Amino acid sequence: MKNRKRNRMQGFDYSSDNLYFVTICVQDRVCCFGVVVDVGTGRDLSVRNIDESNMIMNSDEFIKKMELNEFGKIVQNQIEWLVEQYKYVDVHNFVIMPNHVHMIIEIDKKKLTVGTGRDLSVHLLEGDLSVHLLEGDQSVHLLEGNLSVQDKKIKIKSLSSLMGAFKTTSSKMIHQVGFADFAWQRSFHDHIIRNERSY
């Protein structure tokens, strides 16, 4: 096997608390997440109720909008799923383009505990009351009146593992809705955001 260029900074802990700018591309740059459409100029006051999260300004002051198709909406849902699935993850912003995705993702272990190290939270899951208490390495659950204690420490996934989970789940869902040949490009590009200017 030939030597490959390293995609990650050698010696850096990619599971550490940090902000990362990530770009993930579709294999062979196939445009499959939707289309970019003209909305108008920056001065056009007749344009109303535009979702600004998908807006793109170019140098000529024309406003463009990314219209997501079914596959693009799956990608958007799976980006949001990362935050739900991994409580120590926050996605500050993301842009889905026709053949790639940009996101600013944060790993923050402090989100797992509140105040004194305890996370006392109440969740309503499909009509059942679930109370979750975290203290040290013990997790206590109360679900439908049953109490269970698990001695389990949450393992923080690295950025590569998080992107792997995102790519695997989104690919599987896109395959299930009929795009059997869909694939992400191997690996991803990242930039560690170290200061306000990089952000």
N, C-alpha and C. Protein backbone atom coordinates (compact mmCIF):
# COMPACT_ATOMS: atom_id res chain seq x y z
N MET A 1 0.85 -1.19 0.00
CA MET A 1 0.00 0.00 0.00
C MET A 1 0.89 1.24 0.00
N LYS A 2 0.60 2.19 -0.89
CA LYS A 2 1.43 3.39 -0.95
C LYS A 2 1.15 4.30 0.23
N ASN A 3 2.14 5.11 0.55
CA ASN A 3 1.99 6.04 1.68
C ASN A 3 1.02 7.14 1.32
N ARG A 4 0.05 7.33 2.21
CA ARG A 4 -0.95 8.38 2.00
C ARG A 4 -0.60 9.61 2.82
N LYS A 5 -0.96 10.75 2.32
CA LYS A 5 -0.79 11.99 3.05
C LYS A 5 -1.72 11.97 4.26
N ARG A 6 -1.19 12.37 5.40
CA ARG A 6 -2.03 12.43 6.61
C ARG A 6 -3.06 13.55 6.48
N ASN A 7 -4.30 13.22 6.82
CA ASN A 7 -5.36 14.23 6.77
C ASN A 7 -5.50 14.99 8.08
N ARG A 8 -5.00 14.42 9.17
CA ARG A 8 -5.13 15.04 10.49
C ARG A 8 -3.76 15.47 10.99
N MET A 9 -3.76 16.49 11.85
CA MET A 9 -2.51 16.99 12.42
C MET A 9 -1.94 15.94 13.38
N GLN A 10 -0.72 15.54 13.12
CA GLN A 10 -0.08 14.50 13.93
C GLN A 10 0.09 14.99 15.37
N GLY A 11 -0.28 14.13 16.32
CA GLY A 11 -0.12 14.43 17.73
C GLY A 11 -1.27 15.21 18.35
N PHE A 12 -2.23 15.66 17.56
CA PHE A 12 -3.35 16.43 18.10
C PHE A 12 -4.47 15.48 18.51
N ASP A 13 -5.08 15.74 19.66
CA ASP A 13 -6.19 14.92 20.17
C ASP A 13 -7.50 15.47 19.60
N TYR A 14 -8.04 14.79 18.61
CA TYR A 14 -9.26 15.24 17.94
C TYR A 14 -10.53 14.91 18.72
N SER A 15 -10.37 14.41 19.96
CA SER A 15 -11.54 14.27 20.83
C SER A 15 -11.52 15.34 21.91
N SER A 16 -10.54 16.25 21.84
CA SER A 16 -10.43 17.32 22.83
C SER A 16 -11.47 18.40 22.56
N ASP A 17 -11.78 19.16 23.61
CA ASP A 17 -12.72 20.27 23.50
C ASP A 17 -12.15 21.28 22.51
N ASN A 18 -12.86 21.48 21.42
CA ASN A 18 -12.40 22.40 20.40
C ASN A 18 -13.48 22.63 19.38
N LEU A 19 -13.29 23.66 18.56
CA LEU A 19 -14.13 23.93 17.40
C LEU A 19 -13.39 23.48 16.15
N TYR A 20 -14.13 22.89 15.22
CA TYR A 20 -13.54 22.39 13.98
C TYR A 20 -14.39 22.83 12.80
N PHE A 21 -13.74 23.31 11.74
CA PHE A 21 -14.41 23.58 10.48
C PHE A 21 -14.19 22.35 9.61
N VAL A 22 -15.27 21.72 9.15
CA VAL A 22 -15.20 20.46 8.43
C VAL A 22 -15.85 20.60 7.06
N THR A 23 -15.23 20.00 6.04
CA THR A 23 -15.82 19.91 4.71
C THR A 23 -15.84 18.45 4.30
N ILE A 24 -17.01 17.97 3.89
CA ILE A 24 -17.19 16.59 3.44
C ILE A 24 -17.75 16.64 2.03
N CYS A 25 -17.15 15.89 1.12
CA CYS A 25 -17.56 15.90 -0.29
C CYS A 25 -18.19 14.58 -0.70
N VAL A 26 -19.08 14.67 -1.68
CA VAL A 26 -19.67 13.48 -2.28
C VAL A 26 -18.64 12.86 -3.23
N GLN A 27 -18.62 11.54 -3.28
CA GLN A 27 -17.71 10.82 -4.18
C GLN A 27 -17.89 11.31 -5.61
N ASP A 28 -16.78 11.58 -6.29
CA ASP A 28 -16.76 12.07 -7.68
C ASP A 28 -17.48 13.40 -7.85
N ARG A 29 -17.70 14.12 -6.75
CA ARG A 29 -18.33 15.45 -6.77
C ARG A 29 -19.70 15.46 -7.45
N VAL A 30 -20.43 14.37 -7.32
CA VAL A 30 -21.77 14.28 -7.91
C VAL A 30 -22.70 15.26 -7.20
N CYS A 31 -23.37 16.11 -7.95
CA CYS A 31 -24.32 17.07 -7.38
C CYS A 31 -25.65 16.35 -7.13
N CYS A 32 -25.93 16.08 -5.86
CA CYS A 32 -27.11 15.27 -5.57
C CYS A 32 -27.95 15.77 -4.40
N PHE A 33 -27.58 16.88 -3.76
CA PHE A 33 -28.31 17.35 -2.58
C PHE A 33 -29.33 18.45 -2.88
N GLY A 34 -29.39 18.91 -4.12
CA GLY A 34 -30.31 19.97 -4.49
C GLY A 34 -29.66 20.90 -5.48
N VAL A 35 -30.26 22.07 -5.65
CA VAL A 35 -29.75 23.04 -6.62
C VAL A 35 -29.68 24.43 -5.98
N VAL A 36 -28.76 25.24 -6.51
CA VAL A 36 -28.65 26.64 -6.09
C VAL A 36 -29.47 27.46 -7.07
N VAL A 37 -30.41 28.25 -6.54
CA VAL A 37 -31.29 29.05 -7.39
C VAL A 37 -31.14 30.53 -7.06
N ASP A 38 -31.36 31.37 -8.07
CA ASP A 38 -31.36 32.82 -7.86
C ASP A 38 -32.62 33.22 -7.12
N VAL A 39 -32.47 34.07 -6.12
CA VAL A 39 -33.62 34.59 -5.39
C VAL A 39 -33.85 36.04 -5.77
N GLY A 40 -32.79 36.78 -6.02
CA GLY A 40 -32.91 38.19 -6.39
C GLY A 40 -31.64 38.91 -6.04
N THR A 41 -31.68 40.23 -6.08
CA THR A 41 -30.52 41.02 -5.69
C THR A 41 -30.64 41.39 -4.23
N GLY A 42 -29.55 41.85 -3.68
CA GLY A 42 -29.54 42.27 -2.28
C GLY A 42 -30.45 43.45 -2.03
N ARG A 43 -30.85 44.16 -3.08
CA ARG A 43 -31.70 45.34 -2.93
C ARG A 43 -33.17 45.05 -3.25
N ASP A 44 -33.50 43.86 -3.61
CA ASP A 44 -34.86 43.51 -4.01
C ASP A 44 -35.73 43.36 -2.77
N LEU A 45 -36.57 44.33 -2.51
CA LEU A 45 -37.40 44.33 -1.31
C LEU A 45 -38.66 43.49 -1.47
N SER A 46 -38.91 42.99 -2.68
CA SER A 46 -40.12 42.20 -2.89
C SER A 46 -39.95 40.75 -2.44
N VAL A 47 -38.72 40.33 -2.19
CA VAL A 47 -38.48 38.96 -1.76
C VAL A 47 -38.77 38.87 -0.27
N ARG A 48 -39.66 37.97 0.11
CA ARG A 48 -40.08 37.85 1.50
C ARG A 48 -39.97 36.40 1.97
N ASN A 49 -39.91 36.24 3.29
CA ASN A 49 -39.93 34.92 3.94
C ASN A 49 -38.89 33.97 3.36
N ILE A 50 -37.67 34.42 3.30
CA ILE A 50 -36.60 33.58 2.79
C ILE A 50 -35.85 32.98 3.97
N ASP A 51 -35.61 31.67 3.93
CA ASP A 51 -34.84 31.01 4.96
C ASP A 51 -33.37 31.40 4.78
N GLU A 52 -32.86 32.26 5.66
CA GLU A 52 -31.52 32.81 5.50
C GLU A 52 -30.42 31.80 5.77
N SER A 53 -30.71 30.65 6.36
CA SER A 53 -29.66 29.67 6.64
C SER A 53 -29.10 29.07 5.37
N ASN A 54 -29.81 29.13 4.27
CA ASN A 54 -29.33 28.56 3.01
C ASN A 54 -29.04 29.64 1.98
N MET A 55 -28.80 30.87 2.43
CA MET A 55 -28.57 31.98 1.52
C MET A 55 -27.09 32.10 1.17
N ILE A 56 -26.81 32.48 -0.05
CA ILE A 56 -25.45 32.66 -0.54
C ILE A 56 -25.39 33.99 -1.25
N MET A 57 -24.43 34.83 -0.87
CA MET A 57 -24.24 36.12 -1.55
C MET A 57 -23.01 36.00 -2.43
N ASN A 58 -23.09 36.43 -3.67
CA ASN A 58 -21.90 36.48 -4.49
C ASN A 58 -21.47 37.93 -4.67
N SER A 59 -20.38 38.14 -5.37
CA SER A 59 -19.81 39.48 -5.46
C SER A 59 -20.71 40.47 -6.21
N ASP A 60 -21.63 40.00 -7.01
CA ASP A 60 -22.52 40.89 -7.75
C ASP A 60 -23.78 41.24 -6.96
N GLU A 61 -23.83 40.89 -5.68
CA GLU A 61 -24.95 41.13 -4.80
C GLU A 61 -26.21 40.37 -5.18
N PHE A 62 -26.08 39.33 -5.96
CA PHE A 62 -27.23 38.47 -6.23
C PHE A 62 -27.34 37.47 -5.09
N ILE A 63 -28.54 37.30 -4.60
CA ILE A 63 -28.78 36.35 -3.54
C ILE A 63 -29.15 35.02 -4.16
N LYS A 64 -28.50 33.99 -3.71
CA LYS A 64 -28.80 32.64 -4.18
C LYS A 64 -29.22 31.81 -2.97
N LYS A 65 -30.01 30.79 -3.22
CA LYS A 65 -30.52 29.94 -2.15
C LYS A 65 -30.32 28.49 -2.55
N MET A 66 -29.92 27.69 -1.60
CA MET A 66 -29.78 26.27 -1.84
C MET A 66 -31.12 25.61 -1.55
N GLU A 67 -31.73 25.01 -2.58
CA GLU A 67 -32.98 24.27 -2.40
C GLU A 67 -32.62 22.80 -2.25
N LEU A 68 -32.82 22.28 -1.05
CA LEU A 68 -32.48 20.89 -0.77
C LEU A 68 -33.52 19.95 -1.36
N ASN A 69 -33.05 18.88 -1.95
CA ASN A 69 -33.96 17.82 -2.39
C ASN A 69 -34.07 16.78 -1.27
N GLU A 70 -34.63 15.64 -1.55
CA GLU A 70 -34.83 14.60 -0.54
C GLU A 70 -33.50 14.16 0.08
N PHE A 71 -32.46 14.03 -0.73
CA PHE A 71 -31.15 13.59 -0.22
C PHE A 71 -30.51 14.69 0.63
N GLY A 72 -30.66 15.93 0.21
CA GLY A 72 -30.13 17.05 0.99
C GLY A 72 -30.83 17.17 2.34
N LYS A 73 -32.12 16.91 2.37
CA LYS A 73 -32.85 16.96 3.64
C LYS A 73 -32.42 15.84 4.57
N ILE A 74 -32.07 14.68 4.03
CA ILE A 74 -31.53 13.59 4.85
C ILE A 74 -30.22 14.03 5.48
N VAL A 75 -29.35 14.66 4.69
CA VAL A 75 -28.07 15.15 5.20
C VAL A 75 -28.31 16.17 6.31
N GLN A 76 -29.24 17.09 6.10
CA GLN A 76 -29.56 18.09 7.12
C GLN A 76 -30.05 17.41 8.40
N ASN A 77 -30.94 16.44 8.27
CA ASN A 77 -31.45 15.73 9.45
C ASN A 77 -30.34 15.01 10.20
N GLN A 78 -29.39 14.45 9.47
CA GLN A 78 -28.31 13.70 10.13
C GLN A 78 -27.30 14.63 10.79
N ILE A 79 -27.14 15.84 10.28
CA ILE A 79 -26.30 16.83 10.98
C ILE A 79 -26.97 17.17 12.31
N GLU A 80 -28.27 17.39 12.28
CA GLU A 80 -29.02 17.68 13.51
C GLU A 80 -29.02 16.48 14.45
N TRP A 81 -29.02 15.26 13.89
CA TRP A 81 -28.96 14.03 14.69
C TRP A 81 -27.66 13.94 15.49
N LEU A 82 -26.55 14.43 14.93
CA LEU A 82 -25.27 14.40 15.66
C LEU A 82 -25.40 15.09 17.01
N VAL A 83 -26.08 16.23 17.04
CA VAL A 83 -26.23 16.99 18.28
C VAL A 83 -27.12 16.24 19.26
N GLU A 84 -28.15 15.59 18.76
CA GLU A 84 -29.05 14.81 19.63
C GLU A 84 -28.38 13.54 20.13
N GLN A 85 -27.65 12.87 19.28
CA GLN A 85 -27.04 11.58 19.61
C GLN A 85 -25.86 11.73 20.57
N TYR A 86 -25.07 12.78 20.37
CA TYR A 86 -23.85 12.99 21.15
C TYR A 86 -23.99 14.31 21.89
N LYS A 87 -24.32 14.23 23.17
CA LYS A 87 -24.65 15.41 23.97
C LYS A 87 -23.49 16.37 24.13
N TYR A 88 -22.27 15.93 23.88
CA TYR A 88 -21.09 16.79 23.99
C TYR A 88 -20.76 17.48 22.66
N VAL A 89 -21.61 17.31 21.66
CA VAL A 89 -21.39 17.90 20.33
C VAL A 89 -22.36 19.04 20.11
N ASP A 90 -21.85 20.11 19.50
CA ASP A 90 -22.70 21.21 19.07
C ASP A 90 -22.29 21.57 17.65
N VAL A 91 -23.26 21.75 16.78
CA VAL A 91 -22.98 22.22 15.42
C VAL A 91 -23.37 23.69 15.39
N HIS A 92 -22.37 24.56 15.31
CA HIS A 92 -22.61 26.00 15.35
C HIS A 92 -23.27 26.49 14.07
N ASN A 93 -22.86 25.93 12.94
CA ASN A 93 -23.43 26.33 11.67
C ASN A 93 -23.08 25.27 10.63
N PHE A 94 -23.88 25.19 9.59
CA PHE A 94 -23.58 24.27 8.49
C PHE A 94 -24.21 24.80 7.21
N VAL A 95 -23.61 24.41 6.10
CA VAL A 95 -24.13 24.76 4.78
C VAL A 95 -24.07 23.49 3.94
N ILE A 96 -25.18 23.14 3.35
CA ILE A 96 -25.23 21.99 2.44
C ILE A 96 -25.24 22.55 1.03
N MET A 97 -24.25 22.16 0.25
CA MET A 97 -24.14 22.58 -1.15
C MET A 97 -24.51 21.38 -2.03
N PRO A 98 -24.61 21.55 -3.34
CA PRO A 98 -25.05 20.43 -4.19
C PRO A 98 -24.20 19.16 -4.06
N ASN A 99 -22.90 19.31 -3.79
CA ASN A 99 -22.06 18.11 -3.74
C ASN A 99 -21.10 18.07 -2.55
N HIS A 100 -21.31 18.92 -1.56
CA HIS A 100 -20.48 18.89 -0.37
C HIS A 100 -21.18 19.59 0.79
N VAL A 101 -20.61 19.42 1.97
CA VAL A 101 -21.18 19.99 3.19
C VAL A 101 -20.06 20.68 3.96
N HIS A 102 -20.33 21.87 4.48
CA HIS A 102 -19.43 22.56 5.40
C HIS A 102 -20.14 22.61 6.75
N MET A 103 -19.39 22.42 7.84
CA MET A 103 -19.99 22.62 9.16
C MET A 103 -18.92 23.06 10.16
N ILE A 104 -19.37 23.82 11.13
CA ILE A 104 -18.53 24.16 12.27
C ILE A 104 -19.07 23.34 13.42
N ILE A 105 -18.25 22.41 13.89
CA ILE A 105 -18.67 21.46 14.92
C ILE A 105 -17.79 21.65 16.15
N GLU A 106 -18.42 21.58 17.31
CA GLU A 106 -17.69 21.74 18.57
C GLU A 106 -17.81 20.48 19.40
N ILE A 107 -16.71 20.05 19.97
CA ILE A 107 -16.71 19.00 20.98
C ILE A 107 -16.49 19.70 22.31
N ASP A 108 -17.43 19.51 23.25
CA ASP A 108 -17.38 20.19 24.54
C ASP A 108 -17.84 19.23 25.63
N LYS A 109 -16.88 18.63 26.34
CA LYS A 109 -17.19 17.65 27.39
C LYS A 109 -17.98 18.27 28.54
N LYS A 110 -17.86 19.58 28.72
CA LYS A 110 -18.57 20.25 29.82
C LYS A 110 -20.09 20.18 29.63
N LYS A 111 -20.54 19.93 28.42
CA LYS A 111 -21.98 19.83 28.18
C LYS A 111 -22.58 18.58 28.82
N LEU A 112 -21.73 17.63 29.21
CA LEU A 112 -22.23 16.40 29.83
C LEU A 112 -22.61 16.60 31.28
N THR A 113 -22.06 17.60 31.94
CA THR A 113 -22.37 17.84 33.35
C THR A 113 -22.78 19.29 33.53
N VAL A 114 -23.57 19.53 34.55
CA VAL A 114 -24.04 20.88 34.85
C VAL A 114 -23.75 21.14 36.32
N GLY A 115 -23.19 22.29 36.62
CA GLY A 115 -22.99 22.69 38.02
C GLY A 115 -22.01 21.80 38.75
N THR A 116 -22.49 20.99 39.70
CA THR A 116 -21.64 20.20 40.58
C THR A 116 -21.21 18.88 39.97
N GLY A 117 -21.41 18.69 38.68
CA GLY A 117 -21.07 17.41 38.08
C GLY A 117 -22.29 16.54 37.91
N ARG A 118 -23.44 17.04 38.32
CA ARG A 118 -24.68 16.28 38.17
C ARG A 118 -25.50 16.87 37.04
N ASP A 119 -26.10 16.00 36.28
CA ASP A 119 -27.02 16.44 35.24
C ASP A 119 -28.38 15.86 35.60
N LEU A 120 -29.21 16.70 36.20
CA LEU A 120 -30.56 16.26 36.56
C LEU A 120 -31.50 16.75 35.47
N SER A 121 -31.89 15.85 34.60
CA SER A 121 -32.76 16.27 33.51
C SER A 121 -33.94 15.34 33.39
N VAL A 122 -35.05 15.88 32.97
CA VAL A 122 -36.26 15.10 32.78
C VAL A 122 -36.58 15.12 31.30
N HIS A 123 -36.79 13.94 30.74
CA HIS A 123 -37.10 13.83 29.32
C HIS A 123 -38.43 13.11 29.15
N LEU A 124 -39.21 13.50 28.18
CA LEU A 124 -40.43 12.81 27.85
C LEU A 124 -40.20 12.05 26.56
N LEU A 125 -40.17 10.73 26.65
CA LEU A 125 -39.89 9.89 25.50
C LEU A 125 -41.14 9.10 25.13
N GLU A 126 -41.79 9.46 24.04
CA GLU A 126 -42.99 8.79 23.55
C GLU A 126 -43.99 8.53 24.67
N GLY A 127 -44.23 9.55 25.47
CA GLY A 127 -45.24 9.43 26.51
C GLY A 127 -44.74 8.86 27.82
N ASP A 128 -43.54 8.29 27.88
CA ASP A 128 -43.00 7.72 29.11
C ASP A 128 -42.08 8.73 29.77
N LEU A 129 -42.17 8.85 31.08
CA LEU A 129 -41.31 9.77 31.81
C LEU A 129 -39.97 9.11 32.07
N SER A 130 -38.90 9.77 31.69
CA SER A 130 -37.56 9.26 31.91
C SER A 130 -36.77 10.29 32.69
N VAL A 131 -36.25 9.91 33.86
CA VAL A 131 -35.42 10.80 34.66
C VAL A 131 -34.01 10.25 34.60
N HIS A 132 -33.06 11.12 34.33
CA HIS A 132 -31.69 10.71 34.12
C HIS A 132 -30.79 11.48 35.07
N LEU A 133 -30.01 10.79 35.89
CA LEU A 133 -29.10 11.42 36.83
C LEU A 133 -27.69 10.92 36.54
N LEU A 134 -26.78 11.84 36.32
CA LEU A 134 -25.37 11.48 36.10
C LEU A 134 -24.57 11.94 37.30
N GLU A 135 -23.82 11.05 37.92
CA GLU A 135 -22.92 11.44 38.98
C GLU A 135 -21.69 10.57 38.88
N GLY A 136 -20.55 11.19 38.57
CA GLY A 136 -19.33 10.43 38.39
C GLY A 136 -19.47 9.47 37.23
N ASP A 137 -19.23 8.19 37.49
CA ASP A 137 -19.32 7.17 36.46
C ASP A 137 -20.64 6.42 36.52
N GLN A 138 -21.58 6.82 37.41
CA GLN A 138 -22.83 6.10 37.53
C GLN A 138 -23.94 6.83 36.81
N SER A 139 -24.75 6.07 36.13
CA SER A 139 -25.89 6.62 35.45
C SER A 139 -27.13 5.95 36.02
N VAL A 140 -28.09 6.76 36.49
CA VAL A 140 -29.31 6.22 37.09
C VAL A 140 -30.48 6.59 36.19
N HIS A 141 -31.30 5.61 35.83
CA HIS A 141 -32.45 5.85 34.96
C HIS A 141 -33.73 5.40 35.66
N LEU A 142 -34.79 6.19 35.49
CA LEU A 142 -36.11 5.80 35.96
C LEU A 142 -37.02 5.85 34.75
N LEU A 143 -37.48 4.70 34.28
CA LEU A 143 -38.32 4.64 33.10
C LEU A 143 -39.50 3.73 33.41
N GLU A 144 -40.69 4.27 33.30
CA GLU A 144 -41.93 3.55 33.61
C GLU A 144 -41.87 2.91 35.00
N GLY A 145 -41.31 3.64 35.96
CA GLY A 145 -41.28 3.15 37.33
C GLY A 145 -40.15 2.19 37.62
N ASN A 146 -39.37 1.79 36.64
CA ASN A 146 -38.26 0.87 36.87
C ASN A 146 -36.97 1.67 37.00
N LEU A 147 -36.21 1.38 38.05
CA LEU A 147 -34.96 2.07 38.30
C LEU A 147 -33.80 1.16 37.88
N SER A 148 -32.89 1.70 37.10
CA SER A 148 -31.71 0.92 36.73
C SER A 148 -30.47 1.80 36.89
N VAL A 149 -29.40 1.18 37.35
CA VAL A 149 -28.14 1.87 37.53
C VAL A 149 -27.12 1.23 36.62
N GLN A 150 -26.41 2.07 35.87
CA GLN A 150 -25.37 1.56 34.99
C GLN A 150 -24.07 2.24 35.35
N ASP A 151 -23.03 1.45 35.59
CA ASP A 151 -21.70 2.01 35.79
C ASP A 151 -21.07 2.15 34.43
N LYS A 152 -21.19 3.33 33.86
CA LYS A 152 -20.74 3.53 32.49
C LYS A 152 -20.23 4.95 32.34
N LYS A 153 -19.01 5.07 31.88
CA LYS A 153 -18.45 6.38 31.59
C LYS A 153 -18.63 6.63 30.10
N ILE A 154 -19.08 7.82 29.72
CA ILE A 154 -19.30 8.14 28.32
C ILE A 154 -17.96 8.38 27.65
N LYS A 155 -17.71 7.66 26.57
CA LYS A 155 -16.48 7.82 25.81
C LYS A 155 -16.71 8.91 24.77
N ILE A 156 -15.82 9.88 24.77
CA ILE A 156 -15.91 10.98 23.82
C ILE A 156 -15.34 10.51 22.49
N LYS A 157 -16.14 10.59 21.45
CA LYS A 157 -15.67 10.18 20.12
C LYS A 157 -14.77 11.27 19.53
N SER A 158 -13.83 10.84 18.72
CA SER A 158 -12.97 11.79 18.01
C SER A 158 -13.77 12.41 16.87
N LEU A 159 -13.24 13.48 16.32
CA LEU A 159 -13.88 14.12 15.17
C LEU A 159 -14.05 13.11 14.03
N SER A 160 -13.04 12.29 13.79
CA SER A 160 -13.13 11.27 12.72
C SER A 160 -14.25 10.28 12.98
N SER A 161 -14.41 9.86 14.23
CA SER A 161 -15.49 8.93 14.56
C SER A 161 -16.86 9.58 14.41
N LEU A 162 -16.97 10.85 14.79
CA LEU A 162 -18.24 11.57 14.62
C LEU A 162 -18.59 11.71 13.14
N MET A 163 -17.60 12.08 12.32
CA MET A 163 -17.85 12.22 10.88
C MET A 163 -18.15 10.85 10.27
N GLY A 164 -17.52 9.80 10.77
CA GLY A 164 -17.83 8.45 10.31
C GLY A 164 -19.27 8.06 10.62
N ALA A 165 -19.74 8.40 11.81
CA ALA A 165 -21.13 8.11 12.19
C ALA A 165 -22.09 8.89 11.30
N PHE A 166 -21.78 10.17 11.06
CA PHE A 166 -22.62 10.99 10.19
C PHE A 166 -22.66 10.42 8.77
N LYS A 167 -21.51 10.09 8.22
CA LYS A 167 -21.45 9.60 6.84
C LYS A 167 -22.13 8.24 6.70
N THR A 168 -21.94 7.37 7.69
CA THR A 168 -22.55 6.04 7.63
C THR A 168 -24.07 6.12 7.69
N THR A 169 -24.59 6.89 8.65
CA THR A 169 -26.05 6.96 8.82
C THR A 169 -26.71 7.68 7.64
N SER A 170 -26.10 8.77 7.18
CA SER A 170 -26.70 9.50 6.05
C SER A 170 -26.65 8.65 4.78
N SER A 171 -25.54 7.96 4.54
CA SER A 171 -25.43 7.08 3.36
C SER A 171 -26.50 5.99 3.38
N LYS A 172 -26.65 5.37 4.54
CA LYS A 172 -27.64 4.29 4.66
C LYS A 172 -29.05 4.80 4.35
N MET A 173 -29.40 5.97 4.87
CA MET A 173 -30.74 6.53 4.64
C MET A 173 -30.93 6.92 3.17
N ILE A 174 -29.89 7.49 2.56
CA ILE A 174 -29.97 7.86 1.14
C ILE A 174 -30.12 6.61 0.28
N HIS A 175 -29.42 5.55 0.63
CA HIS A 175 -29.57 4.27 -0.10
C HIS A 175 -31.00 3.75 0.03
N GLN A 176 -31.57 3.86 1.23
CA GLN A 176 -32.91 3.33 1.47
C GLN A 176 -33.99 4.06 0.68
N VAL A 177 -33.77 5.34 0.34
CA VAL A 177 -34.78 6.06 -0.43
C VAL A 177 -34.54 5.98 -1.93
N GLY A 178 -33.56 5.16 -2.36
CA GLY A 178 -33.45 4.88 -3.78
C GLY A 178 -32.19 5.29 -4.50
N PHE A 179 -31.25 5.97 -3.84
CA PHE A 179 -30.01 6.34 -4.52
C PHE A 179 -28.93 5.34 -4.09
N ALA A 180 -28.97 4.16 -4.69
CA ALA A 180 -28.11 3.04 -4.29
C ALA A 180 -26.63 3.31 -4.53
N ASP A 181 -26.29 4.15 -5.48
CA ASP A 181 -24.88 4.40 -5.81
C ASP A 181 -24.27 5.55 -5.02
N PHE A 182 -25.03 6.14 -4.11
CA PHE A 182 -24.50 7.28 -3.36
C PHE A 182 -23.31 6.85 -2.49
N ALA A 183 -22.29 7.70 -2.46
CA ALA A 183 -21.15 7.47 -1.57
C ALA A 183 -20.50 8.81 -1.25
N TRP A 184 -19.98 8.91 -0.02
CA TRP A 184 -19.17 10.05 0.36
C TRP A 184 -17.74 9.81 -0.09
N GLN A 185 -17.03 10.88 -0.37
CA GLN A 185 -15.60 10.78 -0.65
C GLN A 185 -14.90 10.28 0.62
N ARG A 186 -13.82 9.55 0.45
CA ARG A 186 -13.07 9.05 1.59
C ARG A 186 -12.56 10.22 2.43
N SER A 187 -12.65 10.11 3.74
CA SER A 187 -12.14 11.07 4.70
C SER A 187 -12.89 12.41 4.62
N PHE A 188 -12.28 13.47 5.10
CA PHE A 188 -12.87 14.81 5.09
C PHE A 188 -11.75 15.81 5.35
N HIS A 189 -12.02 17.06 5.04
CA HIS A 189 -11.07 18.13 5.33
C HIS A 189 -11.48 18.79 6.64
N ASP A 190 -10.50 19.12 7.48
CA ASP A 190 -10.83 19.85 8.70
C ASP A 190 -9.82 20.96 8.94
N HIS A 191 -10.27 21.95 9.68
CA HIS A 191 -9.42 23.04 10.15
C HIS A 191 -9.77 23.25 11.61
N ILE A 192 -8.76 23.20 12.48
CA ILE A 192 -8.98 23.42 13.91
C ILE A 192 -9.13 24.93 14.10
N ILE A 193 -10.24 25.35 14.67
CA ILE A 193 -10.49 26.77 14.91
C ILE A 193 -9.87 27.13 16.25
N ARG A 194 -8.81 27.92 16.20
CA ARG A 194 -8.03 28.21 17.42
C ARG A 194 -8.30 29.58 17.99
N ASN A 195 -8.91 30.47 17.21
CA ASN A 195 -9.15 31.82 17.72
C ASN A 195 -10.37 32.42 17.05
N GLU A 196 -10.75 33.59 17.51
CA GLU A 196 -11.95 34.28 17.01
C GLU A 196 -11.83 34.58 15.52
N ARG A 197 -10.64 34.93 15.07
CA ARG A 197 -10.45 35.26 13.66
C ARG A 197 -10.68 34.05 12.75
N SER A 198 -10.26 32.86 13.20
CA SER A 198 -10.48 31.64 12.42
C SER A 198 -11.95 31.27 12.34
N TYR A 199 -12.71 31.67 13.38
CA TYR A 199 -14.13 31.33 13.43
C TYR A 199 -14.88 32.06 12.36
